[in-house]
C-alpha atoms as a PDB file:
ATOM      1  CA  MET A   1     -10.420  21.120   2.329  1.00  0.00           C
ATOM      2  CA  ARG A   2      -6.701  21.525   1.750  1.00  0.00           C
ATOM      3  CA  VAL A   3      -4.750  18.358   2.511  1.00  0.00           C
ATOM      4  CA  LEU A   4      -1.130  17.232   2.447  1.00  0.00           C
ATOM      5  CA  ILE A   5      -0.538  13.725   1.056  1.00  0.00           C
ATOM      6  CA  THR A   6       2.917  12.252   1.599  1.00  0.00           C
ATOM      7  CA  GLY A   7       3.926   9.547  -0.854  1.00  0.00           C
ATOM      8  CA  ALA A   8       1.744  11.310  -3.419  1.00  0.00           C
ATOM      9  CA  ALA A   9       3.592   9.859  -6.424  1.00  0.00           C
ATOM     10  CA  GLY A  10       3.230   6.284  -5.224  1.00  0.00           C
ATOM     11  CA  PHE A  11       0.692   3.675  -6.273  1.00  0.00           C
ATOM     12  CA  LEU A  12      -1.945   4.397  -3.629  1.00  0.00           C
ATOM     13  CA  GLY A  13      -0.913   7.994  -2.970  1.00  0.00           C
ATOM     14  CA  SER A  14      -1.482   9.091  -6.554  1.00  0.00           C
ATOM     15  CA  HIS A  15      -4.944   7.514  -6.668  1.00  0.00           C
ATOM     16  CA  LEU A  16      -5.791   9.209  -3.378  1.00  0.00           C
ATOM     17  CA  CYS A  17      -4.739  12.575  -4.840  1.00  0.00           C
ATOM     18  CA  ASP A  18      -7.194  11.933  -7.670  1.00  0.00           C
ATOM     19  CA  ARG A  19      -9.975  11.083  -5.194  1.00  0.00           C
ATOM     20  CA  PHE A  20      -9.587  14.291  -3.194  1.00  0.00           C
ATOM     21  CA  LEU A  21      -9.316  16.440  -6.301  1.00  0.00           C
ATOM     22  CA  ARG A  22     -12.411  14.812  -7.789  1.00  0.00           C
ATOM     23  CA  ASP A  23     -14.423  16.024  -4.799  1.00  0.00           C
ATOM     24  CA  GLY A  24     -13.165  19.584  -5.192  1.00  0.00           C
ATOM     25  CA  HIS A  25     -10.478  19.638  -2.507  1.00  0.00           C
ATOM     26  CA  TRP A  26      -6.990  21.133  -2.735  1.00  0.00           C
ATOM     27  CA  VAL A  27      -4.028  18.775  -2.522  1.00  0.00           C
ATOM     28  CA  VAL A  28      -0.379  19.355  -1.676  1.00  0.00           C
ATOM     29  CA  GLY A  29       1.472  16.241  -2.806  1.00  0.00           C
ATOM     30  CA  LEU A  30       4.853  15.421  -1.306  1.00  0.00           C
ATOM     31  CA  ASP A  31       7.230  12.707  -2.497  1.00  0.00           C
ATOM     32  CA  ASN A  32      10.975  12.120  -2.899  1.00  0.00           C
ATOM     33  CA  PHE A  33      10.586   9.653  -5.821  1.00  0.00           C
ATOM     34  CA  VAL A  34      12.500   6.883  -4.061  1.00  0.00           C
ATOM     35  CA  THR A  35       9.765   4.400  -4.982  1.00  0.00           C
ATOM     36  CA  GLY A  36       7.144   6.749  -6.408  1.00  0.00           C
ATOM     37  CA  THR A  37       7.333   8.024  -9.973  1.00  0.00           C
ATOM     38  CA  PRO A  38       6.450  11.321 -11.695  1.00  0.00           C
ATOM     39  CA  ASP A  39       4.450   9.263 -14.227  1.00  0.00           C
ATOM     40  CA  ASN A  40       1.801   8.613 -11.569  1.00  0.00           C
ATOM     41  CA  ILE A  41       1.019  12.304 -11.117  1.00  0.00           C
ATOM     42  CA  GLY A  42       1.919  13.631 -14.561  1.00  0.00           C
ATOM     43  CA  HIS A  43      -1.763  13.947 -15.458  1.00  0.00           C
ATOM     44  CA  LEU A  44      -2.167  16.464 -12.612  1.00  0.00           C
ATOM     45  CA  ALA A  45       0.245  18.981 -14.127  1.00  0.00           C
ATOM     46  CA  GLY A  46      -1.605  22.234 -14.671  1.00  0.00           C
ATOM     47  CA  ASN A  47      -4.341  21.411 -12.159  1.00  0.00           C
ATOM     48  CA  GLU A  48      -4.670  24.617 -10.132  1.00  0.00           C
ATOM     49  CA  ARG A  49      -5.831  22.691  -7.067  1.00  0.00           C
ATOM     50  CA  PHE A  50      -2.749  20.456  -7.005  1.00  0.00           C
ATOM     51  CA  GLN A  51       0.676  21.513  -5.765  1.00  0.00           C
ATOM     52  CA  PHE A  52       3.674  19.193  -5.704  1.00  0.00           C
ATOM     53  CA  VAL A  53       6.675  19.385  -3.378  1.00  0.00           C
ATOM     54  CA  ARG A  54       9.682  17.121  -3.901  1.00  0.00           C
ATOM     55  CA  HIS A  55      10.919  16.342  -0.409  1.00  0.00           C
ATOM     56  CA  ASP A  56      11.680  13.507   2.021  1.00  0.00           C
ATOM     57  CA  ILE A  57       9.203  13.606   4.919  1.00  0.00           C
ATOM     58  CA  SER A  58      11.871  11.918   7.091  1.00  0.00           C
ATOM     59  CA  ASP A  59      13.657  15.277   7.048  1.00  0.00           C
ATOM     60  CA  SER A  60      12.329  18.423   8.701  1.00  0.00           C
ATOM     61  CA  THR A  61       9.386  19.652   6.662  1.00  0.00           C
ATOM     62  CA  TYR A  62       7.454  22.923   6.423  1.00  0.00           C
ATOM     63  CA  VAL A  63       4.287  23.432   4.419  1.00  0.00           C
ATOM     64  CA  ALA A  64       2.995  26.972   3.995  1.00  0.00           C
ATOM     65  CA  GLY A  65      -0.665  27.846   4.418  1.00  0.00           C
ATOM     66  CA  LYS A  66      -3.527  26.191   6.194  1.00  0.00           C
ATOM     67  CA  LEU A  67      -4.053  22.443   6.143  1.00  0.00           C
ATOM     68  CA  ASP A  68      -7.193  20.558   7.086  1.00  0.00           C
ATOM     69  CA  GLY A  69      -5.639  17.128   6.776  1.00  0.00           C
ATOM     70  CA  VAL A  70      -2.274  15.360   6.664  1.00  0.00           C
ATOM     71  CA  LEU A  71      -2.355  11.890   5.081  1.00  0.00           C
ATOM     72  CA  HIS A  72       0.883   9.976   5.594  1.00  0.00           C
ATOM     73  CA  LEU A  73       1.319   7.333   2.881  1.00  0.00           C
ATOM     74  CA  ALA A  74       5.058   7.732   2.297  1.00  0.00           C
ATOM     75  CA  SER A  75       7.013   4.492   2.676  1.00  0.00           C
ATOM     76  CA  PRO A  76       8.583   1.767   0.587  1.00  0.00           C
ATOM     77  CA  ALA A  77       5.790  -0.794   0.634  1.00  0.00           C
ATOM     78  CA  SER A  78       6.749  -3.667  -1.651  1.00  0.00           C
ATOM     79  CA  PRO A  79       8.961  -6.471  -0.336  1.00  0.00           C
ATOM     80  CA  ILE A  80      11.803  -5.841  -2.741  1.00  0.00           C
ATOM     81  CA  ASP A  81      11.816  -2.129  -1.944  1.00  0.00           C
ATOM     82  CA  TYR A  82      11.956  -2.403   1.816  1.00  0.00           C
ATOM     83  CA  LEU A  83      14.639  -5.090   1.636  1.00  0.00           C
ATOM     84  CA  GLU A  84      16.773  -2.830  -0.555  1.00  0.00           C
ATOM     85  CA  LEU A  85      15.956   0.239   1.582  1.00  0.00           C
ATOM     86  CA  PRO A  86      15.734  -1.054   5.161  1.00  0.00           C
ATOM     87  CA  ILE A  87      17.026   2.071   6.914  1.00  0.00           C
ATOM     88  CA  GLU A  88      14.937   4.410   4.767  1.00  0.00           C
ATOM     89  CA  THR A  89      11.863   2.294   5.522  1.00  0.00           C
ATOM     90  CA  LEU A  90      12.464   2.474   9.268  1.00  0.00           C
ATOM     91  CA  LYS A  91      13.147   6.227   9.077  1.00  0.00           C
ATOM     92  CA  VAL A  92       9.985   7.101   7.193  1.00  0.00           C
ATOM     93  CA  GLY A  93       7.935   4.991   9.609  1.00  0.00           C
ATOM     94  CA  SER A  94       9.487   6.700  12.629  1.00  0.00           C
ATOM     95  CA  LEU A  95      10.962  10.117  11.794  1.00  0.00           C
ATOM     96  CA  GLY A  96       8.628  10.583   8.831  1.00  0.00           C
ATOM     97  CA  THR A  97       5.534   9.823  10.891  1.00  0.00           C
ATOM     98  CA  HIS A  98       6.814  12.097  13.679  1.00  0.00           C
ATOM     99  CA  ASN A  99       7.335  14.951  11.221  1.00  0.00           C
ATOM    100  CA  ALA A 100       3.938  14.443   9.599  1.00  0.00           C
ATOM    101  CA  LEU A 101       2.242  14.383  13.005  1.00  0.00           C
ATOM    102  CA  GLY A 102       4.095  17.566  13.919  1.00  0.00           C
ATOM    103  CA  ILE A 103       2.687  19.290  10.853  1.00  0.00           C
ATOM    104  CA  ALA A 104      -0.834  18.123  11.707  1.00  0.00           C
ATOM    105  CA  LYS A 105      -0.482  19.333  15.299  1.00  0.00           C
ATOM    106  CA  ALA A 106       0.896  22.737  14.257  1.00  0.00           C
ATOM    107  CA  LYS A 107      -1.855  23.246  11.667  1.00  0.00           C
ATOM    108  CA  GLY A 108      -4.711  21.868  13.771  1.00  0.00           C
ATOM    109  CA  ALA A 109      -5.257  19.334  10.995  1.00  0.00           C
ATOM    110  CA  ARG A 110      -6.627  15.804  11.012  1.00  0.00           C
ATOM    111  CA  PHE A 111      -3.878  13.174  10.718  1.00  0.00           C
ATOM    112  CA  PHE A 112      -4.306   9.979   8.718  1.00  0.00           C
ATOM    113  CA  LEU A 113      -1.819   7.115   8.912  1.00  0.00           C
ATOM    114  CA  ALA A 114      -1.567   4.478   6.198  1.00  0.00           C
ATOM    115  CA  SER A 115      -0.640   1.392   8.192  1.00  0.00           C
ATOM    116  CA  THR A 116      -0.750  -2.177   6.943  1.00  0.00           C
ATOM    117  CA  SER A 117      -2.034  -5.684   7.538  1.00  0.00           C
ATOM    118  CA  GLU A 118       1.637  -6.581   8.006  1.00  0.00           C
ATOM    119  CA  VAL A 119       1.260  -5.463  11.640  1.00  0.00           C
ATOM    120  CA  TYR A 120      -0.558  -8.793  12.122  1.00  0.00           C
ATOM    121  CA  GLY A 121       2.554 -10.697  10.989  1.00  0.00           C
ATOM    122  CA  ASP A 122       2.019 -14.408  10.291  1.00  0.00           C
ATOM    123  CA  PRO A 123      -1.353 -14.378  12.025  1.00  0.00           C
ATOM    124  CA  LEU A 124      -2.625 -16.938  14.502  1.00  0.00           C
ATOM    125  CA  GLU A 125      -6.097 -15.396  14.239  1.00  0.00           C
ATOM    126  CA  HIS A 126      -8.073 -15.746  11.023  1.00  0.00           C
ATOM    127  CA  PRO A 127      -9.647 -13.570   9.717  1.00  0.00           C
ATOM    128  CA  GLN A 128      -7.794 -10.706  11.328  1.00  0.00           C
ATOM    129  CA  ARG A 129      -9.762  -8.247  13.463  1.00  0.00           C
ATOM    130  CA  GLU A 130      -8.371  -4.888  14.511  1.00  0.00           C
ATOM    131  CA  SER A 131      -8.258  -6.132  18.118  1.00  0.00           C
ATOM    132  CA  TYR A 132      -5.679  -8.805  17.196  1.00  0.00           C
ATOM    133  CA  TRP A 133      -2.176  -7.845  18.397  1.00  0.00           C
ATOM    134  CA  GLY A 134      -0.323  -9.865  15.792  1.00  0.00           C
ATOM    135  CA  ASN A 135       2.453 -12.442  15.501  1.00  0.00           C
ATOM    136  CA  VAL A 136       5.490 -10.520  14.255  1.00  0.00           C
ATOM    137  CA  ASN A 137       9.175 -11.446  14.240  1.00  0.00           C
ATOM    138  CA  SER A 138      10.721  -8.170  15.388  1.00  0.00           C
ATOM    139  CA  ILE A 139      14.229  -9.053  14.097  1.00  0.00           C
ATOM    140  CA  GLY A 140      13.393 -10.957  10.909  1.00  0.00           C
ATOM    141  CA  PRO A 141      14.027  -9.640   7.394  1.00  0.00           C
ATOM    142  CA  ARG A 142      10.467  -8.292   7.089  1.00  0.00           C
ATOM    143  CA  SER A 143      10.692  -6.448  10.404  1.00  0.00           C
ATOM    144  CA  VAL A 144      12.003  -3.240   8.841  1.00  0.00           C
ATOM    145  CA  TYR A 145       8.536  -2.710   7.360  1.00  0.00           C
ATOM    146  CA  ASP A 146       6.363  -4.467   9.958  1.00  0.00           C
ATOM    147  CA  GLU A 147       7.940  -2.752  12.952  1.00  0.00           C
ATOM    148  CA  ALA A 148       8.123   0.637  11.235  1.00  0.00           C
ATOM    149  CA  LYS A 149       4.366   0.508  10.791  1.00  0.00           C
ATOM    150  CA  ARG A 150       3.747  -0.784  14.318  1.00  0.00           C
ATOM    151  CA  PHE A 151       5.799   2.127  15.678  1.00  0.00           C
ATOM    152  CA  SER A 152       3.968   4.592  13.446  1.00  0.00           C
ATOM    153  CA  GLU A 153       0.648   3.384  14.887  1.00  0.00           C
ATOM    154  CA  ALA A 154       2.014   3.770  18.428  1.00  0.00           C
ATOM    155  CA  ILE A 155       3.227   7.346  17.934  1.00  0.00           C
ATOM    156  CA  THR A 156      -0.029   8.263  16.184  1.00  0.00           C
ATOM    157  CA  MET A 157      -2.014   7.072  19.192  1.00  0.00           C
ATOM    158  CA  ALA A 158       0.413   8.914  21.499  1.00  0.00           C
ATOM    159  CA  TYR A 159      -0.213  12.188  19.652  1.00  0.00           C
ATOM    160  CA  HIS A 160      -3.956  11.556  19.842  1.00  0.00           C
ATOM    161  CA  ARG A 161      -3.889  10.892  23.584  1.00  0.00           C
ATOM    162  CA  THR A 162      -1.254  13.472  24.580  1.00  0.00           C
ATOM    163  CA  HIS A 163      -1.894  16.359  22.191  1.00  0.00           C
ATOM    164  CA  GLY A 164      -5.505  15.750  21.202  1.00  0.00           C
ATOM    165  CA  VAL A 165      -4.688  15.403  17.505  1.00  0.00           C
ATOM    166  CA  ASP A 166      -7.655  14.105  15.505  1.00  0.00           C
ATOM    167  CA  THR A 167      -6.239  10.888  14.046  1.00  0.00           C
ATOM    168  CA  ARG A 168      -7.156   7.989  11.786  1.00  0.00           C
ATOM    169  CA  ILE A 169      -5.315   4.696  11.230  1.00  0.00           C
ATOM    170  CA  VAL A 170      -6.046   2.430   8.269  1.00  0.00           C
ATOM    171  CA  ARG A 171      -4.644  -1.082   8.026  1.00  0.00           C
ATOM    172  CA  ILE A 172      -4.368  -1.710   4.308  1.00  0.00           C
ATOM    173  CA  PHE A 173      -4.596  -5.250   2.960  1.00  0.00           C
ATOM    174  CA  ASN A 174      -3.307  -6.455  -0.424  1.00  0.00           C
ATOM    175  CA  THR A 175      -4.216  -3.849  -3.024  1.00  0.00           C
ATOM    176  CA  TYR A 176      -3.644  -3.969  -6.777  1.00  0.00           C
ATOM    177  CA  GLY A 177      -4.444  -2.065  -9.944  1.00  0.00           C
ATOM    178  CA  PRO A 178      -3.055   0.447 -12.452  1.00  0.00           C
ATOM    179  CA  ARG A 179       0.096   2.370 -11.453  1.00  0.00           C
ATOM    180  CA  MET A 180       1.651  -0.574  -9.651  1.00  0.00           C
ATOM    181  CA  ARG A 181       5.316  -0.791 -10.552  1.00  0.00           C
ATOM    182  CA  PRO A 182       6.324  -3.800 -12.638  1.00  0.00           C
ATOM    183  CA  ARG A 183       8.462  -6.371 -10.815  1.00  0.00           C
ATOM    184  CA  ASP A 184       7.998  -4.683  -7.444  1.00  0.00           C
ATOM    185  CA  GLY A 185       7.825  -7.989  -5.583  1.00  0.00           C
ATOM    186  CA  ARG A 186       4.051  -7.906  -5.143  1.00  0.00           C
ATOM    187  CA  VAL A 187       2.333 -11.020  -6.326  1.00  0.00           C
ATOM    188  CA  VAL A 188      -0.232  -9.459  -8.691  1.00  0.00           C
ATOM    189  CA  SER A 189       2.256  -7.278 -10.575  1.00  0.00           C
ATOM    190  CA  ASN A 190       4.864 -10.055 -10.625  1.00  0.00           C
ATOM    191  CA  PHE A 191       2.469 -12.607 -12.104  1.00  0.00           C
ATOM    192  CA  ILE A 192       1.084 -10.226 -14.725  1.00  0.00           C
ATOM    193  CA  VAL A 193       4.512  -9.030 -15.870  1.00  0.00           C
ATOM    194  CA  GLN A 194       5.851 -12.586 -16.014  1.00  0.00           C
ATOM    195  CA  ALA A 195       2.821 -13.725 -18.020  1.00  0.00           C
ATOM    196  CA  LEU A 196       2.956 -10.840 -20.499  1.00  0.00           C
ATOM    197  CA  ASN A 197       6.694 -11.383 -21.038  1.00  0.00           C
ATOM    198  CA  GLY A 198       6.238 -15.119 -21.575  1.00  0.00           C
ATOM    199  CA  GLU A 199       8.161 -15.977 -18.393  1.00  0.00           C
ATOM    200  CA  ASP A 200       7.222 -18.702 -15.932  1.00  0.00           C
ATOM    201  CA  LEU A 201       5.066 -17.522 -13.037  1.00  0.00           C
ATOM    202  CA  THR A 202       6.916 -18.005  -9.748  1.00  0.00           C
ATOM    203  CA  ILE A 203       5.081 -19.018  -6.605  1.00  0.00           C
ATOM    204  CA  TYR A 204       6.771 -19.610  -3.267  1.00  0.00           C
ATOM    205  CA  GLY A 205       6.005 -22.764  -1.340  1.00  0.00           C
ATOM    206  CA  ASP A 206       3.111 -24.805  -2.695  1.00  0.00           C
ATOM    207  CA  GLY A 207       0.949 -21.764  -3.418  1.00  0.00           C
ATOM    208  CA  SER A 208      -1.575 -22.609  -0.717  1.00  0.00           C
ATOM    209  CA  GLN A 209      -0.929 -19.312   1.090  1.00  0.00           C
ATOM    210  CA  THR A 210      -4.021 -17.128   1.006  1.00  0.00           C
ATOM    211  CA  ARG A 211      -4.410 -13.441   0.285  1.00  0.00           C
ATOM    212  CA  SER A 212      -7.383 -11.112  -0.086  1.00  0.00           C
ATOM    213  CA  PHE A 213      -6.993  -8.782  -3.061  1.00  0.00           C
ATOM    214  CA  CYS A 214      -8.690  -5.376  -3.123  1.00  0.00           C
ATOM    215  CA  TYR A 215      -8.850  -3.348  -6.326  1.00  0.00           C
ATOM    216  CA  VAL A 216      -7.347   0.122  -5.918  1.00  0.00           C
ATOM    217  CA  GLU A 217     -10.588   1.967  -6.689  1.00  0.00           C
ATOM    218  CA  ASP A 218     -12.325   0.173  -3.808  1.00  0.00           C
ATOM    219  CA  GLU A 219      -9.365   0.608  -1.461  1.00  0.00           C
ATOM    220  CA  VAL A 220      -9.120   4.349  -2.067  1.00  0.00           C
ATOM    221  CA  GLU A 221     -12.847   4.786  -1.531  1.00  0.00           C
ATOM    222  CA  GLY A 222     -12.537   3.065   1.854  1.00  0.00           C
ATOM    223  CA  ILE A 223      -9.542   5.210   2.778  1.00  0.00           C
ATOM    224  CA  TYR A 224     -11.368   8.391   1.771  1.00  0.00           C
ATOM    225  CA  ARG A 225     -14.445   7.493   3.815  1.00  0.00           C
ATOM    226  CA  LEU A 226     -12.306   6.632   6.827  1.00  0.00           C
ATOM    227  CA  PHE A 227     -10.534   9.986   6.646  1.00  0.00           C
ATOM    228  CA  MET A 228     -13.830  11.843   6.376  1.00  0.00           C
ATOM    229  CA  ASN A 229     -16.036   9.908   8.779  1.00  0.00           C
ATOM    230  CA  GLY A 230     -13.991   7.442  10.817  1.00  0.00           C
ATOM    231  CA  ASP A 231     -12.696   7.425  14.374  1.00  0.00           C
ATOM    232  CA  HIS A 232      -9.222   7.226  15.887  1.00  0.00           C
ATOM    233  CA  MET A 233      -9.058   3.435  16.264  1.00  0.00           C
ATOM    234  CA  PRO A 234      -7.344   1.254  13.597  1.00  0.00           C
ATOM    235  CA  THR A 235      -9.643   0.116  10.801  1.00  0.00           C
ATOM    236  CA  ASN A 236      -9.096  -2.686   8.292  1.00  0.00           C
ATOM    237  CA  ILE A 237      -9.722  -1.718   4.677  1.00  0.00           C
ATOM    238  CA  GLY A 238      -9.393  -4.698   2.362  1.00  0.00           C
ATOM    239  CA  ASN A 239     -11.286  -7.372   0.498  1.00  0.00           C
ATOM    240  CA  PRO A 240     -12.555 -10.227   2.707  1.00  0.00           C
ATOM    241  CA  VAL A 241     -12.783 -12.649  -0.230  1.00  0.00           C
ATOM    242  CA  GLU A 242      -9.832 -15.034   0.078  1.00  0.00           C
ATOM    243  CA  PHE A 243      -7.827 -16.710  -2.712  1.00  0.00           C
ATOM    244  CA  THR A 244      -4.773 -18.939  -2.683  1.00  0.00           C
ATOM    245  CA  VAL A 245      -1.705 -17.659  -4.468  1.00  0.00           C
ATOM    246  CA  ARG A 246      -1.941 -20.608  -6.859  1.00  0.00           C
ATOM    247  CA  GLN A 247      -5.534 -19.664  -7.719  1.00  0.00           C
ATOM    248  CA  LEU A 248      -4.348 -16.145  -8.507  1.00  0.00           C
ATOM    249  CA  ALA A 249      -1.552 -17.456 -10.737  1.00  0.00           C
ATOM    250  CA  GLU A 250      -3.976 -19.699 -12.624  1.00  0.00           C
ATOM    251  CA  MET A 251      -6.378 -16.792 -13.143  1.00  0.00           C
ATOM    252  CA  VAL A 252      -3.591 -14.577 -14.504  1.00  0.00           C
ATOM    253  CA  VAL A 253      -2.516 -17.353 -16.906  1.00  0.00           C
ATOM    254  CA  GLU A 254      -6.105 -17.669 -18.132  1.00  0.00           C
ATOM    255  CA  LEU A 255      -6.780 -13.944 -18.533  1.00  0.00           C
ATOM    256  CA  THR A 256      -3.498 -13.120 -20.260  1.00  0.00           C
ATOM    257  CA  GLY A 257      -3.604 -16.159 -22.557  1.00  0.00           C
ATOM    258  CA  THR A 258       0.061 -16.843 -21.837  1.00  0.00           C
ATOM    259  CA  ARG A 259       1.732 -20.192 -22.394  1.00  0.00           C
ATOM    260  CA  SER A 260       3.819 -19.663 -19.274  1.00  0.00           C
ATOM    261  CA  SER A 261       4.120 -22.408 -16.679  1.00  0.00           C
ATOM    262  CA  ILE A 262       3.731 -22.036 -12.930  1.00  0.00           C
ATOM    263  CA  ILE A 263       6.878 -22.980 -11.025  1.00  0.00           C
ATOM    264  CA  SER A 264       7.642 -23.204  -7.303  1.00  0.00           C
ATOM    265  CA  GLU A 265      10.509 -21.920  -5.152  1.00  0.00           C
ATOM    266  CA  PRO A 266      11.060 -22.236  -1.387  1.00  0.00           C
ATOM    267  CA  LEU A 267       8.805 -20.217   0.892  1.00  0.00           C
ATOM    268  CA  PRO A 268      10.685 -17.233   2.377  1.00  0.00           C
ATOM    269  CA  GLN A 269      11.126 -16.616   6.089  1.00  0.00           C
ATOM    270  CA  ASP A 270       8.160 -15.186   8.033  1.00  0.00           C
ATOM    271  CA  ASP A 271       5.915 -15.136   4.985  1.00  0.00           C
ATOM    272  CA  PRO A 272       2.287 -15.064   6.238  1.00  0.00           C
ATOM    273  CA  LYS A 273       0.382 -18.281   5.503  1.00  0.00           C
ATOM    274  CA  VAL A 274      -3.011 -16.570   5.550  1.00  0.00           C
ATOM    275  CA  ARG A 275      -4.281 -13.029   5.199  1.00  0.00           C
ATOM    276  CA  LYS A 276      -7.938 -11.999   5.332  1.00  0.00           C
ATOM    277  CA  PRO A 277      -9.470  -8.892   6.904  1.00  0.00           C
ATOM    278  CA  ASP A 278     -12.493  -8.752   9.134  1.00  0.00           C
ATOM    279  CA  ILE A 279     -14.149  -5.577   7.812  1.00  0.00           C
ATOM    280  CA  THR A 280     -17.023  -5.383  10.285  1.00  0.00           C
ATOM    281  CA  ARG A 281     -15.818  -1.978  11.524  1.00  0.00           C
ATOM    282  CA  ALA A 282     -15.592  -0.534   8.018  1.00  0.00           C
ATOM    283  CA  ARG A 283     -19.014  -1.881   7.068  1.00  0.00           C
ATOM    284  CA  THR A 284     -20.661  -0.577  10.245  1.00  0.00           C
ATOM    285  CA  MET A 285     -18.913   2.771  10.632  1.00  0.00           C
ATOM    286  CA  LEU A 286     -18.355   3.752   7.001  1.00  0.00           C
ATOM    287  CA  GLY A 287     -20.934   1.781   5.028  1.00  0.00           C
ATOM    288  CA  TRP A 288     -18.003   0.514   2.959  1.00  0.00           C
ATOM    289  CA  GLU A 289     -17.185  -2.800   1.365  1.00  0.00           C
ATOM    290  CA  PRO A 290     -15.379  -3.630  -1.888  1.00  0.00           C
ATOM    291  CA  LYS A 291     -17.441  -3.923  -5.065  1.00  0.00           C
ATOM    292  CA  ILE A 292     -15.014  -5.000  -7.793  1.00  0.00           C
ATOM    293  CA  PRO A 293     -14.392  -8.779  -7.978  1.00  0.00           C
ATOM    294  CA  LEU A 294     -10.881 -10.102  -8.527  1.00  0.00           C
ATOM    295  CA  ARG A 295     -11.470 -11.235 -12.110  1.00  0.00           C
ATOM    296  CA  GLU A 296     -12.741  -7.811 -13.189  1.00  0.00           C
ATOM    297  CA  GLY A 297      -9.958  -6.000 -11.388  1.00  0.00           C
ATOM    298  CA  LEU A 298      -7.318  -8.255 -12.942  1.00  0.00           C
ATOM    299  CA  VAL A 299      -8.675  -7.566 -16.437  1.00  0.00           C
ATOM    300  CA  ARG A 300      -8.270  -3.811 -15.830  1.00  0.00           C
ATOM    301  CA  THR A 301      -4.804  -4.265 -14.342  1.00  0.00           C
ATOM    302  CA  ILE A 302      -3.624  -6.535 -17.172  1.00  0.00           C
ATOM    303  CA  GLU A 303      -4.779  -3.901 -19.679  1.00  0.00           C
ATOM    304  CA  TYR A 304      -2.665  -1.303 -17.871  1.00  0.00           C
ATOM    305  CA  PHE A 305       0.431  -3.519 -17.913  1.00  0.00           C
ATOM    306  CA  ARG A 306      -0.090  -4.379 -21.583  1.00  0.00           C
ATOM    307  CA  GLY A 307       0.406  -0.681 -22.259  1.00  0.00           C
ATOM    308  CA  LEU A 308       3.852  -0.910 -20.660  1.00  0.00           C
ATOM    309  CA  VAL A 309       5.059  -3.953 -22.616  1.00  0.00           C
ATOM    310  CA  GLY A 310       8.272  -3.143 -24.456  1.00  0.00           C
ATOM    311  CA  THR A 311       9.040  -0.122 -22.294  1.00  0.00           C
ATOM    312  CA  GLU A 312      11.928   0.351 -19.901  1.00  0.00           C
ATOM    313  CA  ARG A 313       9.513   0.054 -16.990  1.00  0.00           C
ATOM    314  CA  MET A 314       8.922  -3.612 -17.859  1.00  0.00           C
ATOM    315  CA  ALA A 315      12.635  -4.450 -17.876  1.00  0.00           C
ATOM    316  CA  PRO A 316      14.009  -6.773 -15.186  1.00  0.00           C
ATOM    317  CA  ARG A 317      15.207  -5.224 -11.953  1.00  0.00           C
ATOM    318  CA  SER A 318      18.728  -5.555 -10.597  1.00  0.00           C
ATOM    319  CA  PRO A 319      20.051  -9.076  -9.962  1.00  0.00           C
ATOM    320  CA  LEU A 320      19.781  -8.450  -6.208  1.00  0.00           C
ATOM    321  CA  ALA A 321      16.128  -7.542  -6.491  1.00  0.00           C
ATOM    322  CA  ALA A 322      15.325 -10.292  -8.943  1.00  0.00           C
ATOM    323  CA  ARG A 323      16.470 -13.039  -6.609  1.00  0.00           C
ATOM    324  CA  SER A 324      14.959 -11.598  -3.449  1.00  0.00           C
ATOM    325  CA  PRO A 325      11.874 -13.662  -2.598  1.00  0.00           C
ATOM    326  CA  VAL A 326      11.006 -12.335   0.848  1.00  0.00           C
ATOM    327  CA  GLY A 327       7.377 -11.325   1.030  1.00  0.00           C
ATOM    328  CA  SER A 328       6.843 -12.005  -2.635  1.00  0.00           C
ATOM    329  CA  VAL A 329       3.227 -12.900  -2.026  1.00  0.00           C
ATOM    330  CA  ALA A 330       2.456  -9.666  -0.194  1.00  0.00           C
END
């Protein structure tokens, strides 16, 4: 197959490029490097089955040659990023998804949308099944990401129903692993970077919020199987094993051997209190479930971040970003 992957230089996008290439497919990667980085795809330089295009999918886009699949992963996805880039986030969820769907329709290609568990908002149903419609504040600070993804799901289903485009929708739950950006506002990367730099680990609220952490290797395998063998209805791909944020912080302290303390700050607006996927659909339809436990995945991720210690990538972000707590446990 020859597939287009938008957001190819991002955390998940770059791993997905690797997965398709490993199975012998051809990949056209597209990214504008707003939140992605060339470092994530540098190892693909010289691979004859990989082509990279620097472009913003929110703008009109043309890709030469046949395509069998269009996988739309482009979007700021960490809390700090979408708060700093609210308009860009809304555009890539709306215009970007529209453009990517247009490419799929023109090429007769399968379309795959990377949506998110954030469409469930601060859920009143636990665990969250795909049939749950969510509890989202449409005008809150997180809405630029939540509503962008909800719209992208709606237009994907519209193209499926109106134009007969073969579509897939994945709702991605908390994912972590190598190639995460330091200090991106996600709880795993934040805790590890703080611990390795000897800083206090910051939790918001009392740390009793729950999350379900899926290692990137497992997440990408679920995404790949869904693209290949799924149906057009939304499918949760995530780890159903639930941890509190405080438990995660304590595990990071233990595994890094840091002397850092764990400190608390006020819980931000609309921050979900619980997050846990029901993966019955993925188990039944795809034969998929995560295999790598949190402790093992954290060891691998800590090793990756240790390799960045002392580099510019581990430096603090801007003062605006550093004090922005919204969604910091996402």
